[in-house]
């Protein structure tokens, strides 16, 4: 059993003071009974909590998929730049969300924002070797030499990279598949071949793909199927 104000506030839409106001106006019920005090307790799994007659859906964790645009840093706060959390709707403001992993400020595409630390660890742990797919644009033509080099393992100043997939999709474009996540890895790998990455866009993590209908700068909760694919990363 937990305090009703804590249960409602944990879902992010309402602050504790907001909940107190709702209760004072007799807008909150538990199993049809009007709640008279914020200190009353309920079991979120057994009782039906309603606000203005609408049942409150209790979610232990939130999983958001973001199509990250350029210019945002993958952090919860930053003194110089906008963060990806600024793209999250206000309805989630009360939850302790954070980006699961990072994309460079000038990199776009698929990001997961959550408050589930265990899931985030499964995505980020180096030993998990979670496959990530990127669409890359270069300033010079993509070559077969690059393709072979990626397959063999490019040597950087911090060691040899694991073999990576490189599919040539155009004169200046390619799809790169990584199973590790070193600092600026793709940019550094192409730099070994005298190429500069001019655009980098992540399209997939494991079996989870960025949908075509999620426009840049927007996010939404994962569907049940998408969440299942994310949770399979163990």
Protein backbone atom coordinates (compact mmCIF):
# COMPACT_ATOMS: atom_id res chain seq x y z
CA UNK A 1 0.00 0.00 0.00
CA UNK A 2 1.23 3.50 -0.86
CA UNK A 3 -0.04 7.01 -0.32
CA UNK A 4 -2.46 7.93 -3.08
CA UNK A 5 -0.75 11.24 -3.79
CA UNK A 6 2.57 9.41 -4.28
CA UNK A 7 1.00 6.87 -6.66
CA UNK A 8 -0.59 9.54 -8.85
CA UNK A 9 2.45 11.83 -8.82
CA UNK A 10 4.74 8.92 -9.79
CA UNK A 11 3.06 8.79 -13.20
CA UNK A 12 4.53 12.15 -14.15
CA UNK A 13 1.54 14.23 -15.21
CA UNK A 14 0.73 15.70 -11.78
CA UNK A 15 2.98 17.03 -9.03
CA UNK A 16 2.27 16.28 -5.37
CA UNK A 17 0.72 19.76 -5.00
CA UNK A 18 -1.43 19.15 -8.10
CA UNK A 19 -2.69 15.89 -6.58
CA UNK A 20 -3.45 17.60 -3.28
CA UNK A 21 -5.56 20.14 -5.17
CA UNK A 22 -7.40 17.39 -7.09
CA UNK A 23 -8.20 15.59 -3.84
CA UNK A 24 -9.41 18.76 -2.12
CA UNK A 25 -11.82 19.26 -5.03
CA UNK A 26 -13.08 15.67 -4.59
CA UNK A 27 -11.93 14.71 -8.10
CA UNK A 28 -10.06 11.54 -7.06
CA UNK A 29 -11.73 8.23 -6.24
CA UNK A 30 -10.50 4.75 -5.29
CA UNK A 31 -12.86 1.95 -6.26
CA UNK A 32 -15.61 4.54 -6.57
CA UNK A 33 -15.07 6.09 -3.15
CA UNK A 34 -14.07 9.75 -3.02
CA UNK A 35 -10.60 10.30 -1.55
CA UNK A 36 -10.72 12.87 1.25
CA UNK A 37 -7.05 13.04 2.24
CA UNK A 38 -3.70 12.83 0.40
CA UNK A 39 -2.46 10.52 3.13
CA UNK A 40 -4.96 7.80 2.30
CA UNK A 41 -3.35 4.66 0.90
CA UNK A 42 -4.12 2.27 -1.95
CA UNK A 43 -2.63 -0.68 -3.80
CA UNK A 44 -2.04 0.40 -7.38
CA UNK A 45 -2.25 -3.20 -8.59
CA UNK A 46 -5.51 -4.05 -6.84
CA UNK A 47 -7.46 -0.80 -6.65
CA UNK A 48 -8.89 1.39 -9.42
CA UNK A 49 -7.82 5.00 -9.00
CA UNK A 50 -9.81 7.52 -11.03
CA UNK A 51 -9.42 11.23 -11.71
CA UNK A 52 -12.63 12.90 -12.84
CA UNK A 53 -14.07 9.43 -13.36
CA UNK A 54 -11.26 8.33 -15.70
CA UNK A 55 -9.16 5.34 -14.54
CA UNK A 56 -5.48 6.09 -13.99
CA UNK A 57 -3.18 3.74 -15.85
CA UNK A 58 -0.26 2.88 -13.59
CA UNK A 59 3.05 2.34 -15.36
CA UNK A 60 6.09 1.23 -13.39
CA UNK A 61 8.45 2.41 -16.12
CA UNK A 62 8.23 4.57 -19.22
CA UNK A 63 9.89 3.72 -22.53
CA UNK A 64 9.98 6.46 -25.15
CA UNK A 65 11.33 6.24 -28.68
CA UNK A 66 12.80 9.52 -29.94
CA UNK A 67 13.80 10.53 -33.44
CA UNK A 68 16.64 12.78 -32.33
CA UNK A 69 17.37 15.89 -34.40
CA UNK A 70 20.71 17.68 -34.67
CA UNK A 71 21.69 20.19 -32.03
CA UNK A 72 20.58 18.27 -28.92
CA UNK A 73 22.93 16.57 -26.48
CA UNK A 74 22.24 13.15 -24.97
CA UNK A 75 22.11 14.24 -21.34
CA UNK A 76 19.62 15.04 -18.60
CA UNK A 77 21.00 18.58 -18.28
CA UNK A 78 23.60 20.75 -19.98
CA UNK A 79 24.59 24.37 -19.38
CA UNK A 80 25.44 25.14 -23.01
CA UNK A 81 23.13 23.07 -25.20
CA UNK A 82 19.57 21.82 -25.37
CA UNK A 83 19.13 18.26 -24.16
CA UNK A 84 17.02 15.46 -25.61
CA UNK A 85 14.79 15.61 -22.51
CA UNK A 86 13.53 18.98 -23.72
CA UNK A 87 11.81 17.10 -26.55
CA UNK A 88 9.80 14.95 -24.11
CA UNK A 89 6.13 15.99 -23.62
CA UNK A 90 5.29 17.72 -20.33
CA UNK A 91 3.03 14.81 -19.32
CA UNK A 92 6.22 12.93 -18.37
CA UNK A 93 7.83 15.83 -16.51
CA UNK A 94 7.46 14.22 -13.09
CA UNK A 95 9.33 11.03 -14.02
CA UNK A 96 13.09 10.65 -13.65
CA UNK A 97 13.78 10.03 -17.32
CA UNK A 98 17.20 9.80 -18.95
CA UNK A 99 18.58 8.85 -22.37
CA UNK A 100 19.63 5.19 -22.59
CA UNK A 101 22.91 5.70 -24.39
CA UNK A 102 24.10 8.65 -26.38
CA UNK A 103 24.25 10.11 -29.84
CA UNK A 104 26.59 12.97 -30.70
CA UNK A 105 25.03 16.42 -30.90
CA UNK A 106 25.19 16.37 -34.71
CA UNK A 107 23.94 12.76 -35.01
CA UNK A 108 20.26 12.06 -35.60
CA UNK A 109 17.91 9.11 -35.28
CA UNK A 110 16.77 6.44 -32.86
CA UNK A 111 17.16 7.02 -29.13
CA UNK A 112 15.45 5.42 -26.14
CA UNK A 113 14.46 7.60 -23.19
CA UNK A 114 13.38 5.77 -20.06
CA UNK A 115 13.42 5.56 -16.28
CA UNK A 116 14.33 1.86 -16.30
CA UNK A 117 17.96 1.55 -15.24
CA UNK A 118 18.15 -2.22 -15.71
CA UNK A 119 16.97 -2.02 -19.31
CA UNK A 120 19.38 0.85 -20.00
CA UNK A 121 22.25 -1.25 -18.66
CA UNK A 122 21.33 -4.09 -21.02
CA UNK A 123 21.55 -1.72 -23.97
CA UNK A 124 24.74 0.00 -22.87
CA UNK A 125 26.87 -2.77 -21.34
CA UNK A 126 29.85 -3.38 -23.68
CA UNK A 127 29.67 -7.16 -23.18
CA UNK A 128 26.11 -7.19 -24.56
CA UNK A 129 27.36 -6.29 -28.08
CA UNK A 130 23.98 -4.82 -29.02
CA UNK A 131 23.82 -4.35 -32.78
CA UNK A 132 23.24 -0.76 -33.91
CA UNK A 133 22.62 0.34 -37.50
CA UNK A 134 23.48 3.75 -38.97
CA UNK A 135 22.97 5.50 -42.29
CA UNK A 136 26.17 7.39 -43.14
CA UNK A 137 26.97 10.13 -45.65
CA UNK A 138 30.62 10.91 -46.51
CA UNK A 139 32.44 13.77 -48.19
CA UNK A 140 34.17 11.35 -50.59
CA UNK A 141 32.91 8.23 -52.39
CA UNK A 142 32.49 5.04 -50.37
CA UNK A 143 34.97 2.39 -51.54
CA UNK A 144 35.40 -1.36 -51.52
CA UNK A 145 38.59 -0.77 -49.52
CA UNK A 146 36.50 0.79 -46.74
CA UNK A 147 34.09 -2.12 -46.89
CA UNK A 148 36.90 -4.66 -46.53
CA UNK A 149 38.56 -2.65 -43.78
CA UNK A 150 35.37 -2.53 -41.72
CA UNK A 151 34.91 -6.30 -42.14
CA UNK A 152 38.51 -6.98 -41.05
CA UNK A 153 38.39 -4.57 -38.09
CA UNK A 154 39.69 -1.01 -38.30
CA UNK A 155 42.59 -0.19 -35.98
CA UNK A 156 42.09 2.96 -33.92
CA UNK A 157 44.40 4.52 -31.34
CA UNK A 158 42.49 2.69 -28.59
CA UNK A 159 42.65 -0.73 -30.25
CA UNK A 160 41.21 -2.72 -33.13
CA UNK A 161 37.47 -2.42 -33.62
CA UNK A 162 35.27 -5.49 -33.85
CA UNK A 163 34.31 -6.43 -37.40
CA UNK A 164 31.57 -4.11 -38.67
CA UNK A 165 29.20 -4.35 -41.58
CA UNK A 166 29.40 -1.74 -44.33
CA UNK A 167 26.83 -1.86 -47.12
CA UNK A 168 27.37 0.63 -49.93
CA UNK A 169 24.03 2.29 -50.71
CA UNK A 170 25.17 5.13 -52.97
CA UNK A 171 28.27 6.90 -54.20
CA UNK A 172 28.61 8.83 -50.93
CA UNK A 173 26.33 6.81 -48.65
CA UNK A 174 26.47 3.55 -46.73
CA UNK A 175 24.75 1.57 -44.02
CA UNK A 176 27.04 0.65 -41.13
CA UNK A 177 26.28 -2.04 -38.54
CA UNK A 178 28.24 -1.95 -35.27
CA UNK A 179 28.36 -4.33 -32.31
CA UNK A 180 30.26 -2.00 -30.01
CA UNK A 181 30.07 1.67 -29.16
CA UNK A 182 33.37 3.48 -28.86
CA UNK A 183 33.65 7.25 -28.67
CA UNK A 184 32.95 8.77 -32.13
CA UNK A 185 33.59 5.29 -33.50
CA UNK A 186 32.08 5.57 -36.99
CA UNK A 187 33.64 8.98 -37.61
CA UNK A 188 37.04 7.70 -36.50
CA UNK A 189 36.76 4.51 -38.55
CA UNK A 190 36.03 6.40 -41.75
CA UNK A 191 38.73 8.91 -40.82
CA UNK A 192 41.27 6.08 -41.16
CA UNK A 193 40.36 6.06 -44.88
CA UNK A 194 40.62 9.83 -45.28
CA UNK A 195 36.85 10.29 -45.24
CA UNK A 196 34.78 12.75 -43.23
CA UNK A 197 31.29 11.84 -42.06
CA UNK A 198 28.93 14.67 -43.06
CA UNK A 199 25.73 13.06 -41.77
CA UNK A 200 25.06 10.20 -39.36
CA UNK A 201 21.62 8.76 -38.60
CA UNK A 202 20.86 5.77 -36.36
CA UNK A 203 18.05 3.58 -37.67
CA UNK A 204 18.08 0.52 -35.39
CA UNK A 205 19.13 -0.96 -32.04
CA UNK A 206 18.92 -4.74 -31.93
CA UNK A 207 15.63 -5.66 -33.59
CA UNK A 208 14.08 -2.29 -32.79
CA UNK A 209 13.85 0.00 -35.83
CA UNK A 210 13.00 3.68 -36.10
CA UNK A 211 9.58 3.84 -37.80
CA UNK A 212 9.14 6.01 -40.89
CA UNK A 213 6.17 7.83 -39.35
CA UNK A 214 8.06 9.15 -36.31
CA UNK A 215 9.14 12.57 -37.48
CA UNK A 216 12.38 14.21 -36.39
CA UNK A 217 12.19 15.86 -33.00
CA UNK A 218 9.20 13.81 -31.87
CA UNK A 219 8.89 10.91 -29.45
CA UNK A 220 6.24 8.44 -28.37
CA UNK A 221 5.87 5.46 -26.08
CA UNK A 222 6.96 2.11 -27.45
CA UNK A 223 4.22 -0.26 -28.57
CA UNK A 224 3.94 -3.63 -26.83
CA UNK A 225 5.75 -5.30 -29.75
CA UNK A 226 8.54 -2.70 -29.76
CA UNK A 227 8.96 -2.98 -25.99
CA UNK A 228 9.21 -6.76 -26.31
CA UNK A 229 12.03 -6.35 -28.86
CA UNK A 230 13.81 -3.94 -26.53
CA UNK A 231 13.44 -6.25 -23.55
CA UNK A 232 14.94 -9.12 -25.55
CA UNK A 233 18.28 -7.33 -25.33
CA UNK A 234 19.68 -9.29 -22.37
